[in-house]
Protein backbone atom coordinates (compact mmCIF):
# COMPACT_ATOMS: atom_id res chain seq x y z
CA MET A 1 87.82 83.73 110.57
CA ALA A 2 87.24 86.84 112.68
CA GLU A 3 85.99 89.89 110.93
CA ILE A 4 88.67 92.36 109.98
CA SER A 5 88.11 95.90 111.41
CA PRO A 6 87.78 98.76 108.75
CA GLU A 7 90.77 100.44 110.58
CA ARG A 8 93.00 97.30 110.30
CA LEU A 9 92.00 96.79 106.69
CA ALA A 10 92.82 100.43 105.90
CA VAL A 11 96.29 100.04 107.37
CA LEU A 12 96.90 96.95 105.28
CA GLU A 13 95.50 98.54 102.01
CA ASP A 14 97.67 101.69 102.61
CA HIS A 15 100.72 99.51 103.01
CA LEU A 16 100.06 97.52 99.84
CA GLU A 17 99.43 100.64 97.89
CA ALA A 18 102.65 102.27 99.23
CA GLU A 19 104.59 98.96 98.54
CA SER A 20 103.33 98.78 94.90
CA SER A 21 104.07 102.44 94.23
CA HIS A 22 107.51 102.09 95.81
CA ASP A 23 106.84 104.81 98.29
CA MET A 24 109.47 103.93 100.94
CA GLU A 25 108.43 106.81 103.35
CA ARG A 26 104.93 105.59 103.47
CA VAL A 27 105.85 101.97 103.71
CA LEU A 28 108.04 102.68 106.75
CA ASP A 29 105.55 105.02 108.29
CA GLY A 30 103.05 102.13 108.43
CA PHE A 31 105.54 100.03 110.44
CA THR A 32 106.36 100.08 114.17
CA ASP A 33 109.89 101.22 115.18
CA ASP A 34 110.97 97.69 115.90
CA CYS A 35 109.40 96.17 112.75
CA PHE A 36 110.62 93.03 110.84
CA ASN A 37 110.36 91.25 107.59
CA ASP A 38 110.86 87.48 107.74
CA ILE A 39 111.14 86.24 104.14
CA ALA A 40 111.25 82.45 103.43
CA GLY A 41 114.45 81.64 101.56
CA PHE A 42 116.46 84.51 102.99
CA PRO A 43 119.12 83.49 105.54
CA GLU A 44 118.19 86.17 108.15
CA ARG A 45 115.21 88.31 109.08
CA PHE A 46 115.25 92.01 108.28
CA VAL A 47 114.82 93.66 111.62
CA GLY A 48 114.35 97.40 112.17
CA PRO A 49 113.26 100.15 109.79
CA GLU A 50 116.68 100.39 108.02
CA LYS A 51 116.85 96.64 107.38
CA VAL A 52 113.18 96.54 106.32
CA ALA A 53 113.87 99.38 103.76
CA GLU A 54 116.85 97.42 102.58
CA ARG A 55 114.57 94.49 101.84
CA TYR A 56 112.20 96.68 99.81
CA ARG A 57 115.06 98.35 97.95
CA LEU A 58 116.46 94.93 96.94
CA LEU A 59 112.98 93.86 95.75
CA TRP A 60 112.30 97.04 93.86
CA GLN A 61 115.71 97.04 92.23
CA ALA A 62 115.24 93.55 91.03
CA PHE A 63 111.65 94.28 89.88
CA PRO A 64 111.21 98.05 89.20
CA ASP A 65 107.64 97.51 88.21
CA PHE A 66 106.85 95.40 91.30
CA ASN A 67 103.17 95.27 92.17
CA VAL A 68 101.38 93.19 94.89
CA GLN A 69 97.76 92.35 95.27
CA ILE A 70 95.78 90.45 97.86
CA HIS A 71 93.76 87.53 96.28
CA ARG A 72 92.01 86.38 99.46
CA PHE A 73 92.13 86.60 103.24
CA LEU A 74 92.72 83.31 104.87
CA SER A 75 92.69 84.11 108.57
CA ALA A 76 92.35 87.08 110.74
CA ASP A 77 92.24 88.45 114.24
CA GLU A 78 93.22 91.83 115.56
CA ASP A 79 96.93 90.89 115.87
CA CYS A 80 97.43 88.95 112.66
CA ILE A 81 95.97 88.67 109.24
CA VAL A 82 97.11 85.95 106.74
CA THR A 83 96.60 86.65 103.04
CA GLU A 84 97.16 84.89 99.75
CA ASN A 85 98.81 87.42 97.47
CA GLN A 86 100.19 87.66 93.99
CA TRP A 87 103.05 89.86 93.03
CA THR A 88 104.24 90.64 89.50
CA GLY A 89 107.25 92.29 87.99
CA THR A 90 109.86 92.40 85.31
CA HIS A 91 113.34 91.13 86.41
CA ARG A 92 115.63 94.10 85.80
CA GLY A 93 118.15 93.52 88.66
CA SER A 94 119.76 90.71 90.55
CA PHE A 95 117.50 88.58 92.52
CA PHE A 96 118.69 85.56 94.60
CA GLY A 97 122.01 86.01 92.80
CA ILE A 98 120.28 85.61 89.44
CA PRO A 99 121.37 88.42 87.03
CA PRO A 100 118.56 90.37 85.26
CA THR A 101 116.67 88.45 82.50
CA GLY A 102 114.07 90.93 81.48
CA ARG A 103 111.49 88.22 82.09
CA ARG A 104 108.10 89.03 83.61
CA VAL A 105 107.20 87.00 86.69
CA ARG A 106 103.92 86.25 88.55
CA ILE A 107 104.48 84.89 92.04
CA ARG A 108 101.91 83.60 94.50
CA SER A 109 102.73 84.07 98.21
CA LEU A 110 101.30 83.69 101.70
CA VAL A 111 101.83 86.60 104.03
CA ALA A 112 101.20 86.78 107.75
CA TRP A 113 100.75 90.45 108.63
CA HIS A 114 101.47 91.01 112.33
CA PHE A 115 100.13 94.05 113.94
CA ARG A 116 100.78 96.08 117.02
CA GLY A 117 98.49 99.02 117.88
CA ASP A 118 97.55 100.80 114.63
CA LYS A 119 100.78 99.81 112.78
CA ILE A 120 102.31 96.82 111.07
CA PHE A 121 104.78 95.14 113.40
CA GLY A 122 106.06 92.73 110.73
CA GLU A 123 105.61 90.50 107.84
CA THR A 124 106.23 86.70 107.52
CA VAL A 125 106.37 85.86 103.82
CA PHE A 126 106.27 82.49 102.18
CA PHE A 127 106.76 81.98 98.42
CA ASP A 128 107.90 79.29 96.11
CA VAL A 129 111.49 80.12 95.23
CA GLY A 130 111.55 77.32 92.68
CA SER A 131 108.74 78.97 90.72
CA ILE A 132 110.66 82.31 90.65
CA VAL A 133 113.89 80.57 89.47
CA ASN A 134 111.90 78.61 86.78
CA GLN A 135 110.18 81.86 85.59
CA LEU A 136 113.51 83.62 85.35
CA GLY A 137 114.93 80.72 83.30
CA ALA A 138 117.64 79.94 85.79
CA GLU A 139 118.71 76.38 86.60
CA ILE A 140 118.92 74.92 90.09
CA ILE A 141 121.84 72.64 90.45
CA ILE A 142 121.67 70.09 93.29
CA PRO A 143 125.18 68.93 94.34
CA PRO A 144 125.51 65.24 94.08
CA GLU A 145 125.99 64.82 97.80
CA LEU A 146 122.57 66.44 98.37
CA SER A 147 120.76 64.37 95.63
CA PRO A 148 118.54 61.50 96.68
CA SER A 149 120.24 58.16 96.30
CA GLU A 150 118.65 55.58 94.11
């Protein structure tokens, strides 16, 4: 793994602090004008500052005490850093169509942070939707036509 420059690390740390404190202005200021969020499990990418802001609003509405922390760095160069993260929060709003349960969740995720210049160009986020659904106490129903045959 390449060494992460102090400048690149500062950009990432500032973003995580802004994301965890729900500071939308600071979050968006750290992104390029053509930024994106590509979230596994969502049907479309969030492209552009307005859509990226929408993604954060949805997350923060669902989990008003949302907080994210990096547990370790998995890969890095000057254009992309891959991290293993953990985010926590209490389910107070709809998430993936699941109405608020009041349950606290702890989710592990992998994030590829894409950089352009001194800003974040985008995030590609992978997390286990099944773990979230399980922690929220929801049930996944697989239609019979999609179930494995015996």
